[in-house]
Amino acid sequence: MPPQLRAALKQMSRRGPVIDVATREIVAEAGELVGEEPGEGLVGCLECARAVALGWFGGIARHVGMEGAPVCVLCGEGEATLTAVDWFAMTGQLAAARTADGSRRTWRDDAVKGLGARGL
């Protein structure tokens, strides 16, 4: 199955089960393809997404995941619960929320104030 079709089926199944019209079988449910190994494609953990969103680019969250679970590729310790697409979306949302509430500086503030760059 082409990657674009797999991604589309996963996306559609987040709203409800996706049924094959020809066979009347469920092919995707709850964001996963039926028959696909659970955890396949999981690469990141929520703790690392939170750390990056707070601006800890060099330091990632250190935490222990469940034994036998997919491991986060960033920290190498935590349980991966997010796909790459979900991880980047979650990190972007968290970073925007932290910037809006003032707990994180903007990229411009980091460059001008934090690194000493000159503003135009």
C-alpha atoms as a PDB file:
ATOM      1  CA  MET A   1       0.000   0.000   0.000  1.00  0.00           C
ATOM      2  CA  PRO A   2       1.481   3.411  -0.934  1.00  0.00           C
ATOM      3  CA  PRO A   3       2.566   5.630   1.993  1.00  0.00           C
ATOM      4  CA  GLN A   4       0.126   8.388   0.957  1.00  0.00           C
ATOM      5  CA  LEU A   5      -2.810   5.969   1.129  1.00  0.00           C
ATOM      6  CA  ARG A   6      -1.666   4.603   4.488  1.00  0.00           C
ATOM      7  CA  ALA A   7      -1.390   8.137   5.875  1.00  0.00           C
ATOM      8  CA  ALA A   8      -4.812   9.102   4.502  1.00  0.00           C
ATOM      9  CA  LEU A   9      -6.471   6.010   5.997  1.00  0.00           C
ATOM     10  CA  LYS A  10      -4.866   6.681   9.379  1.00  0.00           C
ATOM     11  CA  GLN A  11      -5.991  10.315   9.294  1.00  0.00           C
ATOM     12  CA  MET A  12      -9.564   9.406   8.309  1.00  0.00           C
ATOM     13  CA  SER A  13      -9.782   6.723  11.006  1.00  0.00           C
ATOM     14  CA  ARG A  14      -9.236   9.273  13.753  1.00  0.00           C
ATOM     15  CA  ARG A  15     -12.857  10.335  13.223  1.00  0.00           C
ATOM     16  CA  GLY A  16     -14.195   6.779  13.102  1.00  0.00           C
ATOM     17  CA  PRO A  17     -13.575   3.342  11.615  1.00  0.00           C
ATOM     18  CA  VAL A  18     -12.752   3.190   7.901  1.00  0.00           C
ATOM     19  CA  ILE A  19     -14.507   0.311   6.107  1.00  0.00           C
ATOM     20  CA  ASP A  20     -13.469  -1.263   2.786  1.00  0.00           C
ATOM     21  CA  VAL A  21     -16.549  -1.020   0.555  1.00  0.00           C
ATOM     22  CA  ALA A  22     -15.748  -4.214  -1.365  1.00  0.00           C
ATOM     23  CA  THR A  23     -15.151  -6.533   1.594  1.00  0.00           C
ATOM     24  CA  ARG A  24     -17.073  -4.687   4.328  1.00  0.00           C
ATOM     25  CA  GLU A  25     -14.068  -5.104   6.635  1.00  0.00           C
ATOM     26  CA  ILE A  26     -12.624  -2.396   8.861  1.00  0.00           C
ATOM     27  CA  VAL A  27      -9.226  -1.369   7.439  1.00  0.00           C
ATOM     28  CA  ALA A  28      -8.332   1.429   9.861  1.00  0.00           C
ATOM     29  CA  GLU A  29      -9.478   2.434  13.304  1.00  0.00           C
ATOM     30  CA  ALA A  30      -8.363   4.958  15.944  1.00  0.00           C
ATOM     31  CA  GLY A  31      -5.517   6.299  13.806  1.00  0.00           C
ATOM     32  CA  GLU A  32      -3.995   2.869  13.085  1.00  0.00           C
ATOM     33  CA  LEU A  33      -4.320   0.418  10.210  1.00  0.00           C
ATOM     34  CA  VAL A  34      -5.881  -2.929  11.128  1.00  0.00           C
ATOM     35  CA  GLY A  35      -3.224  -5.619  11.188  1.00  0.00           C
ATOM     36  CA  GLU A  36      -0.420  -3.111  11.599  1.00  0.00           C
ATOM     37  CA  GLU A  37       1.880  -3.770  14.500  1.00  0.00           C
ATOM     38  CA  PRO A  38       0.974  -1.397  17.353  1.00  0.00           C
ATOM     39  CA  GLY A  39       3.753   1.067  17.825  1.00  0.00           C
ATOM     40  CA  GLU A  40       4.896   0.814  14.225  1.00  0.00           C
ATOM     41  CA  GLY A  41       5.883   4.304  13.184  1.00  0.00           C
ATOM     42  CA  LEU A  42       6.024   5.664  16.744  1.00  0.00           C
ATOM     43  CA  VAL A  43       9.172   7.718  17.120  1.00  0.00           C
ATOM     44  CA  GLY A  44       8.776  10.344  19.836  1.00  0.00           C
ATOM     45  CA  CYS A  45       7.451  10.866  23.324  1.00  0.00           C
ATOM     46  CA  LEU A  46       5.349  13.664  24.762  1.00  0.00           C
ATOM     47  CA  GLU A  47       8.002  14.527  27.353  1.00  0.00           C
ATOM     48  CA  CYS A  48      10.569  15.330  24.650  1.00  0.00           C
ATOM     49  CA  ALA A  49       7.956  17.365  22.742  1.00  0.00           C
ATOM     50  CA  ARG A  50       7.337  19.400  25.909  1.00  0.00           C
ATOM     51  CA  ALA A  51      11.073  19.898  26.483  1.00  0.00           C
ATOM     52  CA  VAL A  52      11.677  21.129  22.937  1.00  0.00           C
ATOM     53  CA  ALA A  53       8.576  23.356  23.113  1.00  0.00           C
ATOM     54  CA  LEU A  54       9.987  25.002  26.238  1.00  0.00           C
ATOM     55  CA  GLY A  55      13.215  25.761  24.375  1.00  0.00           C
ATOM     56  CA  TRP A  56      15.440  23.028  25.792  1.00  0.00           C
ATOM     57  CA  PHE A  57      16.824  22.200  22.364  1.00  0.00           C
ATOM     58  CA  GLY A  58      19.993  20.560  23.650  1.00  0.00           C
ATOM     59  CA  GLY A  59      18.408  18.909  26.659  1.00  0.00           C
ATOM     60  CA  ILE A  60      15.653  16.414  26.266  1.00  0.00           C
ATOM     61  CA  ALA A  61      13.465  14.936  28.951  1.00  0.00           C
ATOM     62  CA  ARG A  62      14.962  12.006  30.808  1.00  0.00           C
ATOM     63  CA  HIS A  63      12.385   9.439  31.810  1.00  0.00           C
ATOM     64  CA  VAL A  64      11.901   5.713  31.709  1.00  0.00           C
ATOM     65  CA  GLY A  65       9.364   4.010  29.454  1.00  0.00           C
ATOM     66  CA  MET A  66       7.635   0.679  29.896  1.00  0.00           C
ATOM     67  CA  GLU A  67       9.691  -2.406  29.129  1.00  0.00           C
ATOM     68  CA  GLY A  68       9.086  -3.744  25.628  1.00  0.00           C
ATOM     69  CA  ALA A  69       7.456  -0.511  24.422  1.00  0.00           C
ATOM     70  CA  PRO A  70       8.779   1.431  21.396  1.00  0.00           C
ATOM     71  CA  VAL A  71      11.594   3.745  22.476  1.00  0.00           C
ATOM     72  CA  CYS A  72      11.711   7.493  21.761  1.00  0.00           C
ATOM     73  CA  VAL A  73      14.436   8.232  19.217  1.00  0.00           C
ATOM     74  CA  LEU A  74      15.239  11.588  20.832  1.00  0.00           C
ATOM     75  CA  CYS A  75      15.967  10.581  24.404  1.00  0.00           C
ATOM     76  CA  GLY A  76      16.455   6.862  23.830  1.00  0.00           C
ATOM     77  CA  GLU A  77      14.807   6.147  27.162  1.00  0.00           C
ATOM     78  CA  GLY A  78      11.148   7.097  27.108  1.00  0.00           C
ATOM     79  CA  GLU A  79       8.200   5.305  25.584  1.00  0.00           C
ATOM     80  CA  ALA A  80       7.443   6.528  22.055  1.00  0.00           C
ATOM     81  CA  THR A  81       3.736   7.365  21.840  1.00  0.00           C
ATOM     82  CA  LEU A  82       3.736   9.791  18.890  1.00  0.00           C
ATOM     83  CA  THR A  83       4.427   9.384  15.191  1.00  0.00           C
ATOM     84  CA  ALA A  84       6.790  11.870  13.573  1.00  0.00           C
ATOM     85  CA  VAL A  85       3.897  13.926  12.189  1.00  0.00           C
ATOM     86  CA  ASP A  86       2.085  13.932  15.532  1.00  0.00           C
ATOM     87  CA  TRP A  87       5.300  14.791  17.394  1.00  0.00           C
ATOM     88  CA  PHE A  88       6.021  17.847  15.227  1.00  0.00           C
ATOM     89  CA  ALA A  89       2.390  18.988  15.425  1.00  0.00           C
ATOM     90  CA  MET A  90       2.360  18.616  19.224  1.00  0.00           C
ATOM     91  CA  THR A  91       5.691  20.419  19.584  1.00  0.00           C
ATOM     92  CA  GLY A  92       4.471  23.296  17.406  1.00  0.00           C
ATOM     93  CA  GLN A  93       1.237  23.626  19.373  1.00  0.00           C
ATOM     94  CA  LEU A  94       3.052  23.548  22.706  1.00  0.00           C
ATOM     95  CA  ALA A  95       5.673  26.062  21.550  1.00  0.00           C
ATOM     96  CA  ALA A  96       2.971  28.449  20.307  1.00  0.00           C
ATOM     97  CA  ALA A  97       1.070  28.122  23.581  1.00  0.00           C
ATOM     98  CA  ARG A  98       4.229  28.692  25.683  1.00  0.00           C
ATOM     99  CA  THR A  99       5.135  31.751  23.602  1.00  0.00           C
ATOM    100  CA  ALA A 100       1.610  33.171  23.900  1.00  0.00           C
ATOM    101  CA  ASP A 101       1.508  32.773  27.691  1.00  0.00           C
ATOM    102  CA  GLY A 102       4.964  34.355  28.035  1.00  0.00           C
ATOM    103  CA  SER A 103       6.770  31.344  29.473  1.00  0.00           C
ATOM    104  CA  ARG A 104       8.937  31.001  26.352  1.00  0.00           C
ATOM    105  CA  ARG A 105      10.711  33.608  24.309  1.00  0.00           C
ATOM    106  CA  THR A 106      10.047  33.945  20.602  1.00  0.00           C
ATOM    107  CA  TRP A 107      12.684  32.963  18.043  1.00  0.00           C
ATOM    108  CA  ARG A 108      13.404  36.652  17.482  1.00  0.00           C
ATOM    109  CA  ASP A 109      13.879  37.242  21.205  1.00  0.00           C
ATOM    110  CA  ASP A 110      16.239  34.283  21.387  1.00  0.00           C
ATOM    111  CA  ALA A 111      18.316  35.663  18.512  1.00  0.00           C
ATOM    112  CA  VAL A 112      18.363  39.332  19.573  1.00  0.00           C
ATOM    113  CA  LYS A 113      18.494  39.085  23.364  1.00  0.00           C
ATOM    114  CA  GLY A 114      19.778  35.588  23.996  1.00  0.00           C
ATOM    115  CA  LEU A 115      22.481  35.376  21.319  1.00  0.00           C
ATOM    116  CA  GLY A 116      23.293  39.054  20.860  1.00  0.00           C
ATOM    117  CA  ALA A 117      22.186  39.333  17.245  1.00  0.00           C
ATOM    118  CA  ARG A 118      21.174  42.769  15.998  1.00  0.00           C
ATOM    119  CA  GLY A 119      17.601  43.427  15.065  1.00  0.00           C
ATOM    120  CA  LEU A 120      16.777  45.058  11.755  1.00  0.00           C
END
